[in-house]
C-alpha atoms as a PDB file:
ATOM      1  CA  UNK A   1      16.593  -6.853  20.675  1.00  0.00           C
ATOM      2  CA  UNK A   2      12.788  -7.471  21.262  1.00  0.00           C
ATOM      3  CA  UNK A   3      10.789 -10.706  20.385  1.00  0.00           C
ATOM      4  CA  UNK A   4       8.851  -8.439  17.835  1.00  0.00           C
ATOM      5  CA  UNK A   5      11.987  -7.183  15.918  1.00  0.00           C
ATOM      6  CA  UNK A   6      13.015 -10.592  15.703  1.00  0.00           C
ATOM      7  CA  UNK A   7       9.691 -11.839  14.078  1.00  0.00           C
ATOM      8  CA  UNK A   8      10.074  -8.845  11.883  1.00  0.00           C
ATOM      9  CA  UNK A   9      13.286  -9.633  10.587  1.00  0.00           C
ATOM     10  CA  UNK A  10      12.308 -13.366   9.680  1.00  0.00           C
ATOM     11  CA  UNK A  11       9.319 -12.458   7.851  1.00  0.00           C
ATOM     12  CA  UNK A  12      11.299  -9.746   6.253  1.00  0.00           C
ATOM     13  CA  UNK A  13      13.802 -12.176   5.422  1.00  0.00           C
ATOM     14  CA  UNK A  14      11.672 -14.618   3.910  1.00  0.00           C
ATOM     15  CA  UNK A  15       9.943 -11.729   2.069  1.00  0.00           C
ATOM     16  CA  UNK A  16      13.125 -10.572   0.313  1.00  0.00           C
ATOM     17  CA  UNK A  17      13.940 -13.998  -0.620  1.00  0.00           C
ATOM     18  CA  UNK A  18      10.377 -14.944  -2.198  1.00  0.00           C
ATOM     19  CA  UNK A  19      10.632 -11.667  -3.879  1.00  0.00           C
ATOM     20  CA  UNK A  20      14.167 -12.198  -5.485  1.00  0.00           C
ATOM     21  CA  UNK A  21      12.832 -15.780  -6.545  1.00  0.00           C
ATOM     22  CA  UNK A  22      10.097 -14.631  -8.167  1.00  0.00           C
ATOM     23  CA  UNK A  23      12.159 -12.558 -10.669  1.00  0.00           C
ATOM     24  CA  UNK A  24      15.098 -15.066 -10.766  1.00  0.00           C
ATOM     25  CA  UNK A  25      13.319 -18.231 -11.050  1.00  0.00           C
ATOM     26  CA  UNK A  26      12.644 -19.782 -14.693  1.00  0.00           C
ATOM     27  CA  UNK A  27       9.694 -21.817 -14.149  1.00  0.00           C
ATOM     28  CA  UNK A  28       6.231 -19.658 -14.168  1.00  0.00           C
ATOM     29  CA  UNK A  29       4.785 -21.972 -11.817  1.00  0.00           C
ATOM     30  CA  UNK A  30       7.500 -21.870  -9.316  1.00  0.00           C
ATOM     31  CA  UNK A  31       7.685 -18.176  -9.657  1.00  0.00           C
ATOM     32  CA  UNK A  32       3.892 -17.981  -8.755  1.00  0.00           C
ATOM     33  CA  UNK A  33       4.511 -19.859  -5.688  1.00  0.00           C
ATOM     34  CA  UNK A  34       7.246 -17.568  -4.720  1.00  0.00           C
ATOM     35  CA  UNK A  35       4.980 -14.849  -5.098  1.00  0.00           C
ATOM     36  CA  UNK A  36       2.175 -16.360  -2.800  1.00  0.00           C
ATOM     37  CA  UNK A  37       4.847 -16.944  -0.332  1.00  0.00           C
ATOM     38  CA  UNK A  38       5.618 -13.088  -0.638  1.00  0.00           C
ATOM     39  CA  UNK A  39       1.920 -12.454  -0.125  1.00  0.00           C
ATOM     40  CA  UNK A  40       1.641 -14.554   2.830  1.00  0.00           C
ATOM     41  CA  UNK A  41       4.758 -12.883   4.531  1.00  0.00           C
ATOM     42  CA  UNK A  42       3.459  -9.361   3.540  1.00  0.00           C
ATOM     43  CA  UNK A  43       0.355  -9.991   5.257  1.00  0.00           C
ATOM     44  CA  UNK A  44       2.015 -11.154   8.283  1.00  0.00           C
ATOM     45  CA  UNK A  45       4.185  -7.982   8.573  1.00  0.00           C
ATOM     46  CA  UNK A  46       0.593  -5.978   8.204  1.00  0.00           C
ATOM     47  CA  UNK A  47      -0.660  -7.852  11.027  1.00  0.00           C
ATOM     48  CA  UNK A  48       2.343  -7.093  13.255  1.00  0.00           C
ATOM     49  CA  UNK A  49       1.310  -3.277  12.199  1.00  0.00           C
ATOM     50  CA  UNK A  50      -2.001  -3.771  13.392  1.00  0.00           C
ATOM     51  CA  UNK A  51      -3.721  -3.750   9.786  1.00  0.00           C
ATOM     52  CA  UNK A  52      -5.541  -7.106  10.125  1.00  0.00           C
ATOM     53  CA  UNK A  53      -7.985  -5.831   7.517  1.00  0.00           C
ATOM     54  CA  UNK A  54      -5.618  -5.278   4.667  1.00  0.00           C
ATOM     55  CA  UNK A  55      -3.427  -8.739   5.683  1.00  0.00           C
ATOM     56  CA  UNK A  56      -6.685 -10.708   5.427  1.00  0.00           C
ATOM     57  CA  UNK A  57      -7.639  -8.571   2.048  1.00  0.00           C
ATOM     58  CA  UNK A  58      -4.191  -9.613   0.664  1.00  0.00           C
ATOM     59  CA  UNK A  59      -4.905 -13.269   1.319  1.00  0.00           C
ATOM     60  CA  UNK A  60      -8.482 -13.636  -0.206  1.00  0.00           C
ATOM     61  CA  UNK A  61      -8.284 -11.597  -2.759  1.00  0.00           C
ATOM     62  CA  UNK A  62      -4.473 -11.866  -4.122  1.00  0.00           C
ATOM     63  CA  UNK A  63      -3.640 -15.173  -2.954  1.00  0.00           C
ATOM     64  CA  UNK A  64      -7.306 -16.612  -3.067  1.00  0.00           C
ATOM     65  CA  UNK A  65      -8.184 -15.259  -6.760  1.00  0.00           C
ATOM     66  CA  UNK A  66      -5.766 -13.595  -8.675  1.00  0.00           C
ATOM     67  CA  UNK A  67      -2.899 -15.927  -8.025  1.00  0.00           C
ATOM     68  CA  UNK A  68      -5.012 -18.862  -8.440  1.00  0.00           C
ATOM     69  CA  UNK A  69      -6.132 -17.416 -11.897  1.00  0.00           C
ATOM     70  CA  UNK A  70      -2.344 -17.008 -12.600  1.00  0.00           C
ATOM     71  CA  UNK A  71      -1.611 -20.612 -11.824  1.00  0.00           C
ATOM     72  CA  UNK A  72      -4.458 -21.780 -14.003  1.00  0.00           C
ATOM     73  CA  UNK A  73      -3.535 -19.764 -17.129  1.00  0.00           C
ATOM     74  CA  UNK A  74       0.455 -20.799 -16.727  1.00  0.00           C
ATOM     75  CA  UNK A  75      -0.970 -24.338 -16.351  1.00  0.00           C
ATOM     76  CA  UNK A  76      -3.322 -24.283 -19.456  1.00  0.00           C
ATOM     77  CA  UNK A  77      -0.532 -22.286 -21.671  1.00  0.00           C
ATOM     78  CA  UNK A  78       1.584 -24.570 -23.248  1.00  0.00           C
ATOM     79  CA  UNK A  79       5.003 -22.371 -22.277  1.00  0.00           C
ATOM     80  CA  UNK A  80       8.196 -23.318 -23.359  1.00  0.00           C
ATOM     81  CA  UNK A  81      10.684 -22.697 -20.676  1.00  0.00           C
ATOM     82  CA  UNK A  82      13.686 -22.838 -23.031  1.00  0.00           C
ATOM     83  CA  UNK A  83      12.467 -19.957 -25.306  1.00  0.00           C
ATOM     84  CA  UNK A  84      12.141 -17.889 -22.161  1.00  0.00           C
ATOM     85  CA  UNK A  85      15.779 -18.400 -21.330  1.00  0.00           C
ATOM     86  CA  UNK A  86      16.697 -17.350 -24.450  1.00  0.00           C
ATOM     87  CA  UNK A  87      18.114 -13.845 -23.725  1.00  0.00           C
ATOM     88  CA  UNK A  88      18.837 -13.794 -20.291  1.00  0.00           C
ATOM     89  CA  UNK A  89      22.305 -13.247 -20.323  1.00  0.00           C
ATOM     90  CA  UNK A  90      21.738 -10.542 -22.982  1.00  0.00           C
ATOM     91  CA  UNK A  91      19.823  -8.482 -21.042  1.00  0.00           C
ATOM     92  CA  UNK A  92      21.487  -9.598 -17.499  1.00  0.00           C
ATOM     93  CA  UNK A  93      23.604  -5.976 -17.206  1.00  0.00           C
ATOM     94  CA  UNK A  94      20.430  -3.945 -17.945  1.00  0.00           C
ATOM     95  CA  UNK A  95      18.352  -5.783 -15.730  1.00  0.00           C
ATOM     96  CA  UNK A  96      21.166  -4.991 -13.019  1.00  0.00           C
ATOM     97  CA  UNK A  97      21.223  -1.327 -13.718  1.00  0.00           C
ATOM     98  CA  UNK A  98      17.422  -1.193 -13.656  1.00  0.00           C
ATOM     99  CA  UNK A  99      17.608  -2.868 -10.362  1.00  0.00           C
ATOM    100  CA  UNK A 100      20.335  -0.714  -8.758  1.00  0.00           C
ATOM    101  CA  UNK A 101      18.666   2.416  -9.948  1.00  0.00           C
ATOM    102  CA  UNK A 102      15.324   1.380  -8.293  1.00  0.00           C
ATOM    103  CA  UNK A 103      16.936   0.629  -5.154  1.00  0.00           C
ATOM    104  CA  UNK A 104      18.918   3.795  -5.192  1.00  0.00           C
ATOM    105  CA  UNK A 105      15.428   5.847  -5.682  1.00  0.00           C
ATOM    106  CA  UNK A 106      13.614   3.963  -2.905  1.00  0.00           C
ATOM    107  CA  UNK A 107      16.233   4.759  -0.296  1.00  0.00           C
ATOM    108  CA  UNK A 108      16.445   8.371  -1.387  1.00  0.00           C
ATOM    109  CA  UNK A 109      12.661   8.304  -0.853  1.00  0.00           C
ATOM    110  CA  UNK A 110      11.750   5.975   2.026  1.00  0.00           C
ATOM    111  CA  UNK A 111      15.395   5.974   3.723  1.00  0.00           C
ATOM    112  CA  UNK A 112      16.051   6.214   7.468  1.00  0.00           C
ATOM    113  CA  UNK A 113      16.707   9.775   7.104  1.00  0.00           C
ATOM    114  CA  UNK A 114      13.057  10.685   6.029  1.00  0.00           C
ATOM    115  CA  UNK A 115      11.190   8.098   7.688  1.00  0.00           C
ATOM    116  CA  UNK A 116      13.440   6.969  10.977  1.00  0.00           C
ATOM    117  CA  UNK A 117      12.298   6.918  14.328  1.00  0.00           C
ATOM    118  CA  UNK A 118      14.309  10.157  14.994  1.00  0.00           C
ATOM    119  CA  UNK A 119      11.808  12.158  13.155  1.00  0.00           C
ATOM    120  CA  UNK A 120       8.938  10.434  13.802  1.00  0.00           C
ATOM    121  CA  UNK A 121       7.727   8.572  16.928  1.00  0.00           C
ATOM    122  CA  UNK A 122       6.631   5.236  17.272  1.00  0.00           C
ATOM    123  CA  UNK A 123       2.970   4.796  16.819  1.00  0.00           C
ATOM    124  CA  UNK A 124       0.905   3.531  20.064  1.00  0.00           C
ATOM    125  CA  UNK A 125      -0.277   0.320  20.540  1.00  0.00           C
ATOM    126  CA  UNK A 126      -4.020  -0.112  20.730  1.00  0.00           C
ATOM    127  CA  UNK A 127      -6.165  -2.269  23.305  1.00  0.00           C
ATOM    128  CA  UNK A 128      -7.272  -5.436  22.384  1.00  0.00           C
ATOM    129  CA  UNK A 129     -10.805  -4.302  21.500  1.00  0.00           C
ATOM    130  CA  UNK A 130      -9.144  -1.897  18.748  1.00  0.00           C
ATOM    131  CA  UNK A 131     -10.504  -2.738  15.497  1.00  0.00           C
ATOM    132  CA  UNK A 132      -8.621  -2.015  12.353  1.00  0.00           C
ATOM    133  CA  UNK A 133     -11.653  -2.663   9.996  1.00  0.00           C
ATOM    134  CA  UNK A 134     -13.917  -0.238  12.050  1.00  0.00           C
ATOM    135  CA  UNK A 135     -11.470   2.522  11.954  1.00  0.00           C
ATOM    136  CA  UNK A 136     -10.802   1.823   8.309  1.00  0.00           C
ATOM    137  CA  UNK A 137     -14.659   2.127   7.734  1.00  0.00           C
ATOM    138  CA  UNK A 138     -14.853   5.426   9.741  1.00  0.00           C
ATOM    139  CA  UNK A 139     -11.840   7.040   7.628  1.00  0.00           C
ATOM    140  CA  UNK A 140     -13.604   6.075   4.387  1.00  0.00           C
ATOM    141  CA  UNK A 141     -16.876   7.042   5.074  1.00  0.00           C
ATOM    142  CA  UNK A 142     -15.986  10.338   6.967  1.00  0.00           C
ATOM    143  CA  UNK A 143     -12.720  11.848   5.961  1.00  0.00           C
ATOM    144  CA  UNK A 144     -12.151  10.362   2.646  1.00  0.00           C
ATOM    145  CA  UNK A 145     -15.982   9.845   1.530  1.00  0.00           C
ATOM    146  CA  UNK A 146     -15.943  12.210  -1.595  1.00  0.00           C
ATOM    147  CA  UNK A 147     -12.385  10.254  -2.562  1.00  0.00           C
ATOM    148  CA  UNK A 148     -13.944   6.965  -2.224  1.00  0.00           C
ATOM    149  CA  UNK A 149     -17.154   7.874  -3.897  1.00  0.00           C
ATOM    150  CA  UNK A 150     -15.042   9.095  -7.166  1.00  0.00           C
ATOM    151  CA  UNK A 151     -13.002   6.205  -7.100  1.00  0.00           C
ATOM    152  CA  UNK A 152     -16.219   3.841  -6.973  1.00  0.00           C
ATOM    153  CA  UNK A 153     -17.722   6.029 -10.281  1.00  0.00           C
ATOM    154  CA  UNK A 154     -14.469   5.707 -11.947  1.00  0.00           C
ATOM    155  CA  UNK A 155     -14.404   2.025 -11.437  1.00  0.00           C
ATOM    156  CA  UNK A 156     -18.035   1.855 -12.458  1.00  0.00           C
ATOM    157  CA  UNK A 157     -17.353   3.565 -15.618  1.00  0.00           C
ATOM    158  CA  UNK A 158     -14.744   1.187 -16.121  1.00  0.00           C
ATOM    159  CA  UNK A 159     -16.738  -1.874 -16.058  1.00  0.00           C
ATOM    160  CA  UNK A 160     -19.624  -0.117 -18.090  1.00  0.00           C
ATOM    161  CA  UNK A 161     -17.090   0.810 -20.712  1.00  0.00           C
ATOM    162  CA  UNK A 162     -15.622  -2.890 -20.803  1.00  0.00           C
ATOM    163  CA  UNK A 163     -19.202  -4.245 -21.177  1.00  0.00           C
ATOM    164  CA  UNK A 164     -20.064  -1.801 -23.750  1.00  0.00           C
ATOM    165  CA  UNK A 165     -16.753  -2.716 -25.784  1.00  0.00           C
ATOM    166  CA  UNK A 166     -17.229  -6.436 -25.302  1.00  0.00           C
ATOM    167  CA  UNK A 167     -21.034  -6.471 -26.797  1.00  0.00           C
ATOM    168  CA  UNK A 168     -20.144  -4.312 -29.687  1.00  0.00           C
ATOM    169  CA  UNK A 169     -22.264  -6.048 -32.688  1.00  0.00           C
ATOM    170  CA  UNK A 170     -20.429  -6.564 -35.731  1.00  0.00           C
ATOM    171  CA  UNK A 171     -22.389  -7.591 -38.796  1.00  0.00           C
ATOM    172  CA  UNK A 172     -20.124 -10.518 -39.824  1.00  0.00           C
ATOM    173  CA  UNK A 173     -20.410 -12.079 -36.030  1.00  0.00           C
ATOM    174  CA  UNK A 174     -22.706 -14.750 -36.009  1.00  0.00           C
ATOM    175  CA  UNK A 175     -25.198 -15.255 -32.591  1.00  0.00           C
ATOM    176  CA  UNK A 176     -27.290 -17.808 -31.535  1.00  0.00           C
ATOM    177  CA  UNK A 177     -31.034 -17.272 -31.594  1.00  0.00           C
ATOM    178  CA  UNK A 178     -32.264 -19.190 -28.239  1.00  0.00           C
ATOM    179  CA  UNK A 179     -35.882 -18.379 -28.905  1.00  0.00           C
ATOM    180  CA  UNK A 180     -35.985 -19.926 -32.553  1.00  0.00           C
ATOM    181  CA  UNK A 181     -34.200 -22.755 -31.867  1.00  0.00           C
ATOM    182  CA  UNK A 182     -36.330 -23.724 -29.143  1.00  0.00           C
ATOM    183  CA  UNK A 183     -39.676 -23.080 -31.146  1.00  0.00           C
ATOM    184  CA  UNK A 184     -38.151 -25.259 -33.928  1.00  0.00           C
ATOM    185  CA  UNK A 185     -40.219 -28.347 -34.886  1.00  0.00           C
ATOM    186  CA  UNK A 186     -39.676 -31.527 -36.733  1.00  0.00           C
ATOM    187  CA  UNK A 187     -41.376 -30.496 -40.008  1.00  0.00           C
ATOM    188  CA  UNK A 188     -39.169 -27.261 -40.077  1.00  0.00           C
ATOM    189  CA  UNK A 189     -35.988 -29.118 -40.072  1.00  0.00           C
ATOM    190  CA  UNK A 190     -36.588 -32.914 -41.566  1.00  0.00           C
ATOM    191  CA  UNK A 191     -38.165 -33.974 -44.553  1.00  0.00           C
ATOM    192  CA  UNK A 192     -39.172 -37.359 -45.514  1.00  0.00           C
ATOM    193  CA  UNK A 193     -38.685 -38.628 -48.979  1.00  0.00           C
ATOM    194  CA  UNK A 194     -40.221 -41.591 -50.423  1.00  0.00           C
ATOM    195  CA  UNK A 195     -37.987 -43.220 -53.090  1.00  0.00           C
ATOM    196  CA  UNK A 196     -39.010 -46.312 -54.943  1.00  0.00           C
ATOM    197  CA  UNK A 197     -36.903 -49.444 -54.020  1.00  0.00           C
ATOM    198  CA  UNK A 198     -34.512 -50.288 -56.706  1.00  0.00           C
ATOM    199  CA  UNK A 199     -32.827 -53.870 -57.296  1.00  0.00           C
ATOM    200  CA  UNK A 200     -29.278 -54.573 -56.179  1.00  0.00           C
ATOM    201  CA  UNK A 201     -27.012 -55.179 -59.306  1.00  0.00           C
END
């Protein structure tokens, strides 16, 4: 067994352990931390596949942004862990059945008889000057240019739709009129009333 295979099995074992802990641990914060560990080990596996752009993107986007947001929301919410534990034993058989079915489907689709080295040769190693980012950019903007542009248009439409749904004006909703608030003077809001002094009884 080569050194590369040893490193692969180490990271793969950590990844499987972290993924299993994400769905079995009862504390949401610990589940999020194990998910971060799973992301790091996945990035390491992608680095071994010479896909450094995907590995760095996974770390920056998911670990650096998405998971920080998840942990922030989890810490802000008052989650009752006792309520989360209710019904675990009730739905455990159904969960095991779904897990077994998913594992069987994954083995049928990505099993060794479909993607083994007997059917496909191992990819050749690239030189030290190879850039996965440059190759990915060339593929996106040459071979898959129209599909990439179509995906960009769909995302743009989704962003515009989300903004349009958010900015719908409801007649019952009150809005601040900032120019009017800035233009307010003292005489518009304050009225001085002169009253005669009265003797205290």
